[in-house]
C-alpha atoms as a PDB file:
ATOM      1  CA  UNK A   1      29.027   4.518 -20.460  1.00  0.00           C
ATOM      2  CA  UNK A   2      28.671   2.385 -23.547  1.00  0.00           C
ATOM      3  CA  UNK A   3      27.368   4.131 -26.638  1.00  0.00           C
ATOM      4  CA  UNK A   4      24.712   1.413 -26.773  1.00  0.00           C
ATOM      5  CA  UNK A   5      23.443   2.270 -23.284  1.00  0.00           C
ATOM      6  CA  UNK A   6      20.392   4.556 -23.650  1.00  0.00           C
ATOM      7  CA  UNK A   7      20.557   5.776 -20.070  1.00  0.00           C
ATOM      8  CA  UNK A   8      17.798   5.804 -17.478  1.00  0.00           C
ATOM      9  CA  UNK A   9      15.073   7.990 -16.068  1.00  0.00           C
ATOM     10  CA  UNK A  10      15.207   7.290 -12.335  1.00  0.00           C
ATOM     11  CA  UNK A  11      13.068   7.993  -9.308  1.00  0.00           C
ATOM     12  CA  UNK A  12      13.936   7.106  -5.728  1.00  0.00           C
ATOM     13  CA  UNK A  13      11.766   6.887  -2.631  1.00  0.00           C
ATOM     14  CA  UNK A  14      10.122   4.788   0.032  1.00  0.00           C
ATOM     15  CA  UNK A  15       6.840   4.504  -1.904  1.00  0.00           C
ATOM     16  CA  UNK A  16       4.858   3.154   1.041  1.00  0.00           C
ATOM     17  CA  UNK A  17       1.216   2.908   0.067  1.00  0.00           C
ATOM     18  CA  UNK A  18       1.745   4.143  -3.507  1.00  0.00           C
ATOM     19  CA  UNK A  19      -0.687   7.067  -3.404  1.00  0.00           C
ATOM     20  CA  UNK A  20      -1.718   9.479  -6.159  1.00  0.00           C
ATOM     21  CA  UNK A  21       1.459  11.523  -5.744  1.00  0.00           C
ATOM     22  CA  UNK A  22       3.544   8.405  -6.290  1.00  0.00           C
ATOM     23  CA  UNK A  23       1.495   7.525  -9.378  1.00  0.00           C
ATOM     24  CA  UNK A  24       2.206  10.972 -10.821  1.00  0.00           C
ATOM     25  CA  UNK A  25       5.955  10.402 -10.441  1.00  0.00           C
ATOM     26  CA  UNK A  26       5.768   6.900 -11.915  1.00  0.00           C
ATOM     27  CA  UNK A  27       3.712   8.126 -14.843  1.00  0.00           C
ATOM     28  CA  UNK A  28       6.330  10.813 -15.482  1.00  0.00           C
ATOM     29  CA  UNK A  29       9.334   8.493 -15.547  1.00  0.00           C
ATOM     30  CA  UNK A  30       7.559   5.882 -17.692  1.00  0.00           C
ATOM     31  CA  UNK A  31       6.407   8.454 -20.235  1.00  0.00           C
ATOM     32  CA  UNK A  32       9.778  10.229 -20.387  1.00  0.00           C
ATOM     33  CA  UNK A  33      11.632   6.966 -20.819  1.00  0.00           C
ATOM     34  CA  UNK A  34       9.359   5.814 -23.639  1.00  0.00           C
ATOM     35  CA  UNK A  35       9.560   9.166 -25.375  1.00  0.00           C
ATOM     36  CA  UNK A  36      13.371   9.292 -25.284  1.00  0.00           C
ATOM     37  CA  UNK A  37      14.006   5.542 -25.736  1.00  0.00           C
ATOM     38  CA  UNK A  38      15.479   5.242 -22.272  1.00  0.00           C
ATOM     39  CA  UNK A  39      14.857   2.914 -19.361  1.00  0.00           C
ATOM     40  CA  UNK A  40      12.496   3.818 -16.510  1.00  0.00           C
ATOM     41  CA  UNK A  41      13.883   2.828 -13.095  1.00  0.00           C
ATOM     42  CA  UNK A  42      12.249   2.943  -9.678  1.00  0.00           C
ATOM     43  CA  UNK A  43      14.623   2.523  -6.740  1.00  0.00           C
ATOM     44  CA  UNK A  44      12.903   1.907  -3.421  1.00  0.00           C
ATOM     45  CA  UNK A  45      13.974   0.486  -0.079  1.00  0.00           C
ATOM     46  CA  UNK A  46      13.380  -2.467   2.232  1.00  0.00           C
ATOM     47  CA  UNK A  47      12.927  -2.134   5.116  1.00  0.00           C
ATOM     48  CA  UNK A  48      11.527   1.364   5.642  1.00  0.00           C
ATOM     49  CA  UNK A  49      14.570   3.632   6.270  1.00  0.00           C
ATOM     50  CA  UNK A  50      13.297   4.739   9.688  1.00  0.00           C
ATOM     51  CA  UNK A  51      13.276   1.121  10.845  1.00  0.00           C
ATOM     52  CA  UNK A  52      17.071   1.284  10.504  1.00  0.00           C
ATOM     53  CA  UNK A  53      17.981   4.843  11.479  1.00  0.00           C
ATOM     54  CA  UNK A  54      15.323   5.490  14.159  1.00  0.00           C
ATOM     55  CA  UNK A  55      13.186   2.418  14.893  1.00  0.00           C
ATOM     56  CA  UNK A  56      11.134   4.139  17.592  1.00  0.00           C
ATOM     57  CA  UNK A  57       9.948   6.713  15.053  1.00  0.00           C
ATOM     58  CA  UNK A  58       9.242   4.190  12.291  1.00  0.00           C
ATOM     59  CA  UNK A  59       5.580   4.376  11.222  1.00  0.00           C
ATOM     60  CA  UNK A  60       3.216   1.490  10.727  1.00  0.00           C
ATOM     61  CA  UNK A  61       3.265   0.609   7.042  1.00  0.00           C
ATOM     62  CA  UNK A  62       0.531   0.945   4.444  1.00  0.00           C
ATOM     63  CA  UNK A  63       2.019  -1.903   2.405  1.00  0.00           C
ATOM     64  CA  UNK A  64       3.902  -4.922   3.767  1.00  0.00           C
ATOM     65  CA  UNK A  65       5.380  -8.046   2.216  1.00  0.00           C
ATOM     66  CA  UNK A  66       4.335  -8.477  -1.402  1.00  0.00           C
ATOM     67  CA  UNK A  67       1.589  -5.836  -1.235  1.00  0.00           C
ATOM     68  CA  UNK A  68       3.872  -3.096  -2.514  1.00  0.00           C
ATOM     69  CA  UNK A  69       5.196  -5.298  -5.331  1.00  0.00           C
ATOM     70  CA  UNK A  70       1.655  -6.174  -6.391  1.00  0.00           C
ATOM     71  CA  UNK A  71       0.690  -2.516  -6.678  1.00  0.00           C
ATOM     72  CA  UNK A  72       3.931  -1.361  -8.289  1.00  0.00           C
ATOM     73  CA  UNK A  73       3.556  -4.061 -10.941  1.00  0.00           C
ATOM     74  CA  UNK A  74       0.826  -1.807 -12.362  1.00  0.00           C
ATOM     75  CA  UNK A  75       3.353   0.976 -13.004  1.00  0.00           C
ATOM     76  CA  UNK A  76       5.021  -0.636 -16.038  1.00  0.00           C
ATOM     77  CA  UNK A  77       8.471   0.645 -15.118  1.00  0.00           C
ATOM     78  CA  UNK A  78      11.286  -1.134 -16.918  1.00  0.00           C
ATOM     79  CA  UNK A  79      13.261  -1.859 -13.755  1.00  0.00           C
ATOM     80  CA  UNK A  80      11.959  -2.049 -10.186  1.00  0.00           C
ATOM     81  CA  UNK A  81      14.744  -2.177  -7.604  1.00  0.00           C
ATOM     82  CA  UNK A  82      14.157  -3.046  -3.942  1.00  0.00           C
ATOM     83  CA  UNK A  83      17.384  -1.839  -2.381  1.00  0.00           C
ATOM     84  CA  UNK A  84      18.228  -3.269   1.071  1.00  0.00           C
ATOM     85  CA  UNK A  85      18.354  -0.295   3.428  1.00  0.00           C
ATOM     86  CA  UNK A  86      21.278  -0.913   5.756  1.00  0.00           C
ATOM     87  CA  UNK A  87      23.250   1.106   8.293  1.00  0.00           C
ATOM     88  CA  UNK A  88      25.966   1.526   5.670  1.00  0.00           C
ATOM     89  CA  UNK A  89      23.509   2.880   3.124  1.00  0.00           C
ATOM     90  CA  UNK A  90      22.052   5.262   5.700  1.00  0.00           C
ATOM     91  CA  UNK A  91      25.463   6.959   5.897  1.00  0.00           C
ATOM     92  CA  UNK A  92      25.654   7.668   2.156  1.00  0.00           C
ATOM     93  CA  UNK A  93      25.854  11.366   1.426  1.00  0.00           C
ATOM     94  CA  UNK A  94      23.721  12.735  -1.438  1.00  0.00           C
ATOM     95  CA  UNK A  95      26.893  12.841  -3.550  1.00  0.00           C
ATOM     96  CA  UNK A  96      27.642   9.174  -2.860  1.00  0.00           C
ATOM     97  CA  UNK A  97      24.101   8.053  -3.595  1.00  0.00           C
ATOM     98  CA  UNK A  98      23.947  10.032  -6.836  1.00  0.00           C
ATOM     99  CA  UNK A  99      27.211   8.411  -7.898  1.00  0.00           C
ATOM    100  CA  UNK A 100      25.726   5.005  -7.117  1.00  0.00           C
ATOM    101  CA  UNK A 101      22.685   5.727  -9.314  1.00  0.00           C
ATOM    102  CA  UNK A 102      24.865   6.899 -12.190  1.00  0.00           C
ATOM    103  CA  UNK A 103      27.236   3.939 -11.989  1.00  0.00           C
ATOM    104  CA  UNK A 104      24.572   1.299 -11.432  1.00  0.00           C
ATOM    105  CA  UNK A 105      21.713   2.517 -13.639  1.00  0.00           C
ATOM    106  CA  UNK A 106      23.342   4.993 -16.046  1.00  0.00           C
ATOM    107  CA  UNK A 107      21.040   7.712 -14.717  1.00  0.00           C
ATOM    108  CA  UNK A 108      20.528  10.626 -17.088  1.00  0.00           C
ATOM    109  CA  UNK A 109      17.320  12.025 -15.560  1.00  0.00           C
ATOM    110  CA  UNK A 110      16.228  12.096 -11.917  1.00  0.00           C
ATOM    111  CA  UNK A 111      12.559  12.730 -11.112  1.00  0.00           C
ATOM    112  CA  UNK A 112      11.553  13.272  -7.473  1.00  0.00           C
ATOM    113  CA  UNK A 113       8.529  14.364  -5.478  1.00  0.00           C
ATOM    114  CA  UNK A 114       8.196  17.875  -4.134  1.00  0.00           C
ATOM    115  CA  UNK A 115       8.897  16.791  -0.535  1.00  0.00           C
ATOM    116  CA  UNK A 116      11.725  14.361  -1.242  1.00  0.00           C
ATOM    117  CA  UNK A 117      14.924  14.279   0.811  1.00  0.00           C
ATOM    118  CA  UNK A 118      17.959  12.509  -0.596  1.00  0.00           C
ATOM    119  CA  UNK A 119      20.940  10.853   1.114  1.00  0.00           C
ATOM    120  CA  UNK A 120      22.076  10.925   4.744  1.00  0.00           C
ATOM    121  CA  UNK A 121      19.598  12.737   6.977  1.00  0.00           C
ATOM    122  CA  UNK A 122      17.515  13.643   3.885  1.00  0.00           C
ATOM    123  CA  UNK A 123      20.088  16.386   3.267  1.00  0.00           C
ATOM    124  CA  UNK A 124      19.878  16.185  -0.519  1.00  0.00           C
ATOM    125  CA  UNK A 125      17.268  18.789  -1.381  1.00  0.00           C
ATOM    126  CA  UNK A 126      16.288  20.067  -4.813  1.00  0.00           C
ATOM    127  CA  UNK A 127      18.981  22.771  -4.865  1.00  0.00           C
ATOM    128  CA  UNK A 128      21.783  20.330  -4.079  1.00  0.00           C
ATOM    129  CA  UNK A 129      20.522  17.758  -6.561  1.00  0.00           C
ATOM    130  CA  UNK A 130      20.345  20.317  -9.362  1.00  0.00           C
ATOM    131  CA  UNK A 131      23.936  21.338  -8.626  1.00  0.00           C
ATOM    132  CA  UNK A 132      25.061  17.712  -8.683  1.00  0.00           C
ATOM    133  CA  UNK A 133      23.160  17.239 -11.934  1.00  0.00           C
ATOM    134  CA  UNK A 134      25.057  20.047 -13.621  1.00  0.00           C
ATOM    135  CA  UNK A 135      28.348  18.683 -12.338  1.00  0.00           C
ATOM    136  CA  UNK A 136      27.718  15.028 -13.250  1.00  0.00           C
ATOM    137  CA  UNK A 137      25.571  15.269 -16.356  1.00  0.00           C
ATOM    138  CA  UNK A 138      21.990  14.444 -15.392  1.00  0.00           C
ATOM    139  CA  UNK A 139      18.836  16.542 -15.231  1.00  0.00           C
ATOM    140  CA  UNK A 140      16.585  16.921 -12.180  1.00  0.00           C
ATOM    141  CA  UNK A 141      12.843  17.518 -12.231  1.00  0.00           C
ATOM    142  CA  UNK A 142      10.457  17.849  -9.302  1.00  0.00           C
ATOM    143  CA  UNK A 143       6.824  16.748  -9.476  1.00  0.00           C
ATOM    144  CA  UNK A 144       4.471  19.000  -7.536  1.00  0.00           C
ATOM    145  CA  UNK A 145       1.923  17.870  -4.965  1.00  0.00           C
ATOM    146  CA  UNK A 146      -1.124  15.976  -6.182  1.00  0.00           C
ATOM    147  CA  UNK A 147      -4.357  16.733  -4.348  1.00  0.00           C
ATOM    148  CA  UNK A 148      -7.598  14.818  -3.951  1.00  0.00           C
ATOM    149  CA  UNK A 149     -10.617  16.754  -2.670  1.00  0.00           C
ATOM    150  CA  UNK A 150      -8.323  19.409  -1.265  1.00  0.00           C
ATOM    151  CA  UNK A 151      -5.940  16.987   0.457  1.00  0.00           C
ATOM    152  CA  UNK A 152      -2.316  16.708  -0.748  1.00  0.00           C
ATOM    153  CA  UNK A 153      -1.514  13.047  -1.329  1.00  0.00           C
ATOM    154  CA  UNK A 154       1.152  11.824   1.078  1.00  0.00           C
ATOM    155  CA  UNK A 155       1.835   8.626   2.976  1.00  0.00           C
ATOM    156  CA  UNK A 156       1.531  10.552   6.251  1.00  0.00           C
ATOM    157  CA  UNK A 157      -1.989  11.742   5.423  1.00  0.00           C
ATOM    158  CA  UNK A 158      -3.025   8.297   4.232  1.00  0.00           C
ATOM    159  CA  UNK A 159      -1.802   6.801   7.523  1.00  0.00           C
ATOM    160  CA  UNK A 160      -3.706   9.444   9.460  1.00  0.00           C
ATOM    161  CA  UNK A 161      -6.888   8.691   7.523  1.00  0.00           C
ATOM    162  CA  UNK A 162      -6.574   4.914   7.936  1.00  0.00           C
ATOM    163  CA  UNK A 163      -5.728   5.130  11.649  1.00  0.00           C
ATOM    164  CA  UNK A 164      -8.697   7.434  12.176  1.00  0.00           C
ATOM    165  CA  UNK A 165     -11.084   5.181  10.279  1.00  0.00           C
ATOM    166  CA  UNK A 166     -11.605   7.688   7.447  1.00  0.00           C
ATOM    167  CA  UNK A 167     -11.565   5.065   4.727  1.00  0.00           C
ATOM    168  CA  UNK A 168     -13.129   7.365   2.127  1.00  0.00           C
ATOM    169  CA  UNK A 169     -10.295   9.899   2.387  1.00  0.00           C
ATOM    170  CA  UNK A 170      -7.696   7.126   2.381  1.00  0.00           C
ATOM    171  CA  UNK A 171      -9.203   5.714  -0.822  1.00  0.00           C
ATOM    172  CA  UNK A 172      -9.240   9.175  -2.435  1.00  0.00           C
ATOM    173  CA  UNK A 173      -5.564   9.720  -1.654  1.00  0.00           C
ATOM    174  CA  UNK A 174      -4.522   6.223  -2.718  1.00  0.00           C
ATOM    175  CA  UNK A 175      -6.669   6.031  -5.838  1.00  0.00           C
ATOM    176  CA  UNK A 176      -8.064   2.698  -4.603  1.00  0.00           C
ATOM    177  CA  UNK A 177      -9.555   1.229  -1.410  1.00  0.00           C
ATOM    178  CA  UNK A 178      -7.133   0.472   1.409  1.00  0.00           C
ATOM    179  CA  UNK A 179      -6.374  -3.245   1.610  1.00  0.00           C
ATOM    180  CA  UNK A 180      -4.428  -6.060   3.224  1.00  0.00           C
ATOM    181  CA  UNK A 181      -3.147  -9.248   1.597  1.00  0.00           C
ATOM    182  CA  UNK A 182      -2.510 -12.182   3.919  1.00  0.00           C
ATOM    183  CA  UNK A 183      -2.690 -15.985   3.855  1.00  0.00           C
ATOM    184  CA  UNK A 184      -5.752 -17.835   5.111  1.00  0.00           C
ATOM    185  CA  UNK A 185      -5.134 -19.741   8.341  1.00  0.00           C
ATOM    186  CA  UNK A 186      -7.193 -22.210  10.364  1.00  0.00           C
ATOM    187  CA  UNK A 187      -9.645 -20.816  12.919  1.00  0.00           C
ATOM    188  CA  UNK A 188     -11.984 -22.231  15.531  1.00  0.00           C
ATOM    189  CA  UNK A 189     -14.805 -22.903  13.015  1.00  0.00           C
ATOM    190  CA  UNK A 190     -17.331 -21.133  15.267  1.00  0.00           C
ATOM    191  CA  UNK A 191     -18.733 -19.142  12.359  1.00  0.00           C
ATOM    192  CA  UNK A 192     -19.645 -22.279  10.461  1.00  0.00           C
ATOM    193  CA  UNK A 193     -21.514 -23.600  13.485  1.00  0.00           C
ATOM    194  CA  UNK A 194     -23.842 -20.571  13.546  1.00  0.00           C
ATOM    195  CA  UNK A 195     -24.342 -20.314   9.810  1.00  0.00           C
ATOM    196  CA  UNK A 196     -21.632 -17.752   9.051  1.00  0.00           C
ATOM    197  CA  UNK A 197     -18.508 -19.620   7.918  1.00  0.00           C
ATOM    198  CA  UNK A 198     -15.432 -17.410   7.761  1.00  0.00           C
ATOM    199  CA  UNK A 199     -11.896 -17.370   6.478  1.00  0.00           C
ATOM    200  CA  UNK A 200      -9.287 -16.254   9.005  1.00  0.00           C
ATOM    201  CA  UNK A 201      -6.372 -14.127   7.827  1.00  0.00           C
ATOM    202  CA  UNK A 202      -2.899 -14.227   9.326  1.00  0.00           C
ATOM    203  CA  UNK A 203      -1.763 -11.094  11.172  1.00  0.00           C
ATOM    204  CA  UNK A 204       1.854 -12.218  11.267  1.00  0.00           C
ATOM    205  CA  UNK A 205       3.289  -8.842  10.211  1.00  0.00           C
ATOM    206  CA  UNK A 206       2.834  -6.343  13.076  1.00  0.00           C
ATOM    207  CA  UNK A 207       4.112  -3.490  10.888  1.00  0.00           C
ATOM    208  CA  UNK A 208       0.849  -3.354   8.902  1.00  0.00           C
ATOM    209  CA  UNK A 209      -1.384  -0.399   9.755  1.00  0.00           C
ATOM    210  CA  UNK A 210      -5.020  -1.362  10.299  1.00  0.00           C
ATOM    211  CA  UNK A 211      -8.042   0.898  10.671  1.00  0.00           C
ATOM    212  CA  UNK A 212      -9.859   0.887  14.028  1.00  0.00           C
ATOM    213  CA  UNK A 213     -11.288  -2.459  15.080  1.00  0.00           C
ATOM    214  CA  UNK A 214     -14.881  -3.120  14.131  1.00  0.00           C
ATOM    215  CA  UNK A 215     -17.127  -4.913  11.664  1.00  0.00           C
ATOM    216  CA  UNK A 216     -16.705  -3.882   8.026  1.00  0.00           C
ATOM    217  CA  UNK A 217     -18.175  -4.457   4.612  1.00  0.00           C
ATOM    218  CA  UNK A 218     -15.233  -5.624   2.493  1.00  0.00           C
ATOM    219  CA  UNK A 219     -14.290  -6.938  -0.921  1.00  0.00           C
ATOM    220  CA  UNK A 220     -12.121 -10.040  -1.248  1.00  0.00           C
ATOM    221  CA  UNK A 221      -9.893 -11.163  -4.123  1.00  0.00           C
ATOM    222  CA  UNK A 222      -7.858 -14.338  -4.492  1.00  0.00           C
ATOM    223  CA  UNK A 223      -6.462 -16.424  -7.292  1.00  0.00           C
ATOM    224  CA  UNK A 224      -9.310 -17.022  -9.743  1.00  0.00           C
ATOM    225  CA  UNK A 225     -11.923 -15.616  -7.388  1.00  0.00           C
ATOM    226  CA  UNK A 226     -13.547 -12.537  -5.873  1.00  0.00           C
ATOM    227  CA  UNK A 227     -16.454 -11.837  -3.558  1.00  0.00           C
ATOM    228  CA  UNK A 228     -18.075  -9.285  -1.319  1.00  0.00           C
ATOM    229  CA  UNK A 229     -18.050 -10.014   2.379  1.00  0.00           C
ATOM    230  CA  UNK A 230     -18.220  -8.755   5.921  1.00  0.00           C
ATOM    231  CA  UNK A 231     -15.216  -8.796   8.237  1.00  0.00           C
ATOM    232  CA  UNK A 232     -14.840  -8.923  12.000  1.00  0.00           C
ATOM    233  CA  UNK A 233     -11.595  -7.141  12.875  1.00  0.00           C
ATOM    234  CA  UNK A 234     -10.576  -7.205  16.516  1.00  0.00           C
ATOM    235  CA  UNK A 235     -11.013  -9.259  19.683  1.00  0.00           C
ATOM    236  CA  UNK A 236     -13.863 -11.730  20.233  1.00  0.00           C
ATOM    237  CA  UNK A 237     -15.263 -10.770  23.631  1.00  0.00           C
ATOM    238  CA  UNK A 238     -18.330 -12.992  23.265  1.00  0.00           C
ATOM    239  CA  UNK A 239     -15.950 -15.971  23.357  1.00  0.00           C
ATOM    240  CA  UNK A 240     -13.537 -14.444  25.894  1.00  0.00           C
ATOM    241  CA  UNK A 241     -10.731 -13.924  23.361  1.00  0.00           C
ATOM    242  CA  UNK A 242      -8.768 -10.674  23.581  1.00  0.00           C
ATOM    243  CA  UNK A 243      -6.406 -11.212  20.642  1.00  0.00           C
ATOM    244  CA  UNK A 244      -7.162  -9.342  17.427  1.00  0.00           C
ATOM    245  CA  UNK A 245      -8.361 -11.463  14.535  1.00  0.00           C
ATOM    246  CA  UNK A 246      -9.451 -10.891  10.964  1.00  0.00           C
ATOM    247  CA  UNK A 247     -12.434 -13.111  10.142  1.00  0.00           C
ATOM    248  CA  UNK A 248     -14.226 -12.678   6.832  1.00  0.00           C
ATOM    249  CA  UNK A 249     -17.578 -14.139   5.820  1.00  0.00           C
ATOM    250  CA  UNK A 250     -17.592 -14.319   2.023  1.00  0.00           C
ATOM    251  CA  UNK A 251     -20.942 -13.997   0.289  1.00  0.00           C
ATOM    252  CA  UNK A 252     -21.937 -17.182  -1.524  1.00  0.00           C
ATOM    253  CA  UNK A 253     -18.465 -18.718  -1.505  1.00  0.00           C
ATOM    254  CA  UNK A 254     -17.745 -22.326  -0.552  1.00  0.00           C
ATOM    255  CA  UNK A 255     -14.057 -22.872  -1.362  1.00  0.00           C
ATOM    256  CA  UNK A 256     -10.957 -24.225   0.350  1.00  0.00           C
ATOM    257  CA  UNK A 257      -8.700 -21.174   0.615  1.00  0.00           C
ATOM    258  CA  UNK A 258      -6.372 -22.408   3.374  1.00  0.00           C
ATOM    259  CA  UNK A 259      -2.823 -21.215   2.808  1.00  0.00           C
ATOM    260  CA  UNK A 260      -3.863 -19.015  -0.114  1.00  0.00           C
ATOM    261  CA  UNK A 261      -3.149 -15.256  -0.040  1.00  0.00           C
ATOM    262  CA  UNK A 262      -6.364 -13.243  -0.077  1.00  0.00           C
ATOM    263  CA  UNK A 263      -6.626  -9.499  -0.549  1.00  0.00           C
ATOM    264  CA  UNK A 264      -9.243  -7.767   1.569  1.00  0.00           C
ATOM    265  CA  UNK A 265     -10.237  -4.188   0.741  1.00  0.00           C
ATOM    266  CA  UNK A 266     -12.017  -2.240   3.467  1.00  0.00           C
ATOM    267  CA  UNK A 267     -15.170  -0.587   2.118  1.00  0.00           C
ATOM    268  CA  UNK A 268     -17.538   0.565   4.867  1.00  0.00           C
ATOM    269  CA  UNK A 269     -17.452   0.408   8.661  1.00  0.00           C
ATOM    270  CA  UNK A 270     -20.666  -1.155   9.951  1.00  0.00           C
ATOM    271  CA  UNK A 271     -20.306  -1.098  13.736  1.00  0.00           C
ATOM    272  CA  UNK A 272     -18.035  -1.432  16.769  1.00  0.00           C
ATOM    273  CA  UNK A 273     -16.987  -4.741  18.324  1.00  0.00           C
ATOM    274  CA  UNK A 274     -19.596  -5.847  20.871  1.00  0.00           C
ATOM    275  CA  UNK A 275     -19.752  -8.368  23.718  1.00  0.00           C
ATOM    276  CA  UNK A 276     -22.994 -10.287  23.190  1.00  0.00           C
ATOM    277  CA  UNK A 277     -24.762 -12.069  26.043  1.00  0.00           C
ATOM    278  CA  UNK A 278     -25.224 -15.230  23.973  1.00  0.00           C
ATOM    279  CA  UNK A 279     -24.359 -16.860  20.682  1.00  0.00           C
ATOM    280  CA  UNK A 280     -28.006 -16.410  19.655  1.00  0.00           C
ATOM    281  CA  UNK A 281     -27.720 -12.644  20.178  1.00  0.00           C
ATOM    282  CA  UNK A 282     -24.515 -12.609  18.132  1.00  0.00           C
ATOM    283  CA  UNK A 283     -26.210 -14.459  15.286  1.00  0.00           C
ATOM    284  CA  UNK A 284     -29.111 -12.018  15.305  1.00  0.00           C
ATOM    285  CA  UNK A 285     -26.651  -9.149  14.940  1.00  0.00           C
ATOM    286  CA  UNK A 286     -24.781 -10.952  12.164  1.00  0.00           C
ATOM    287  CA  UNK A 287     -28.059 -11.211  10.248  1.00  0.00           C
ATOM    288  CA  UNK A 288     -28.321  -7.413  10.426  1.00  0.00           C
ATOM    289  CA  UNK A 289     -24.639  -6.989   9.525  1.00  0.00           C
ATOM    290  CA  UNK A 290     -25.085  -9.167   6.453  1.00  0.00           C
ATOM    291  CA  UNK A 291     -27.927  -7.022   5.139  1.00  0.00           C
ATOM    292  CA  UNK A 292     -25.989  -3.803   5.895  1.00  0.00           C
ATOM    293  CA  UNK A 293     -22.819  -5.080   4.200  1.00  0.00           C
ATOM    294  CA  UNK A 294     -24.684  -6.089   1.051  1.00  0.00           C
ATOM    295  CA  UNK A 295     -26.322  -2.648   0.898  1.00  0.00           C
ATOM    296  CA  UNK A 296     -22.953  -0.947   1.286  1.00  0.00           C
ATOM    297  CA  UNK A 297     -21.296  -3.032  -1.417  1.00  0.00           C
ATOM    298  CA  UNK A 298     -24.058  -2.507  -3.960  1.00  0.00           C
ATOM    299  CA  UNK A 299     -23.854   1.284  -3.581  1.00  0.00           C
ATOM    300  CA  UNK A 300     -22.706   3.776  -6.252  1.00  0.00           C
ATOM    301  CA  UNK A 301     -18.959   3.168  -5.821  1.00  0.00           C
ATOM    302  CA  UNK A 302     -18.928  -0.176  -7.630  1.00  0.00           C
ATOM    303  CA  UNK A 303     -16.160  -2.765  -7.292  1.00  0.00           C
ATOM    304  CA  UNK A 304     -12.732  -1.823  -5.950  1.00  0.00           C
ATOM    305  CA  UNK A 305      -9.974  -1.346  -8.489  1.00  0.00           C
ATOM    306  CA  UNK A 306      -6.428  -0.062  -8.780  1.00  0.00           C
ATOM    307  CA  UNK A 307      -5.588   3.386 -10.026  1.00  0.00           C
ATOM    308  CA  UNK A 308      -4.928   3.264 -13.755  1.00  0.00           C
ATOM    309  CA  UNK A 309      -1.401   2.449 -14.845  1.00  0.00           C
ATOM    310  CA  UNK A 310       0.827   5.505 -15.356  1.00  0.00           C
ATOM    311  CA  UNK A 311       1.765   4.332 -18.835  1.00  0.00           C
ATOM    312  CA  UNK A 312      -1.822   4.576 -19.984  1.00  0.00           C
ATOM    313  CA  UNK A 313      -1.591   8.368 -19.843  1.00  0.00           C
ATOM    314  CA  UNK A 314       1.532   8.765 -22.016  1.00  0.00           C
END
């Protein structure tokens, strides 16, 4: 290694969802790197490793597409690496992967989570990594579990909360409301005809985990704009349509958002999907939903926001 190369503080992981435990690791590598005049490096993978090694066991994802990049941009790491996870990479032993990190990023410190497995079959545990560190000249530190209201933050628990509709617990573990970012596509314009114009979001990525279908109070963000709203997530039985859709009525917004990515954060579940006997009955219910959504969004929680950047705590 060149004498001019300051070396790196590295962490490695899937980082799906980027929950409070992930933030603790990111804060640690950023602060250590700044303190020692080194480079902070996050190495993560695309696609999710299980999609390659055991597709049937691969979970639905908390972040898809650019969602993970958008969140990780808050971390202020010096280098963010999305490493293609291939069959060849899945066969790397812990020794091979450590050598890769040293050669590629001049790793001098490795920081991992308490439940991290490293290399082929997650065989690289803390004991093995510490031995390799002594042999190859880097230190290893393990960040303990981070809890929120008694729950240890993990992607598995966040998935369980989202899938079960426990949005409050998911938000506690993530440090922000659960969200989806997707482009606006053309719909049937039925909402506009009954006084509730909507934007329709693409559901092109089937890997995204959604909470149970229903009607929700939500918050929307897009380039140069933000609004509260209410979202219909699911089929449209009143119109005989079984396919799931995401339709959002934005409060007080009249803008052309077609093709634009919009982030929707789930706030409060209002009700189940219902099959109404008429369009008039549907509109009457939407009037009630509108009032309920506005009450939910003006509650004590305030507007949705990301967890603070790790660097802010150095």
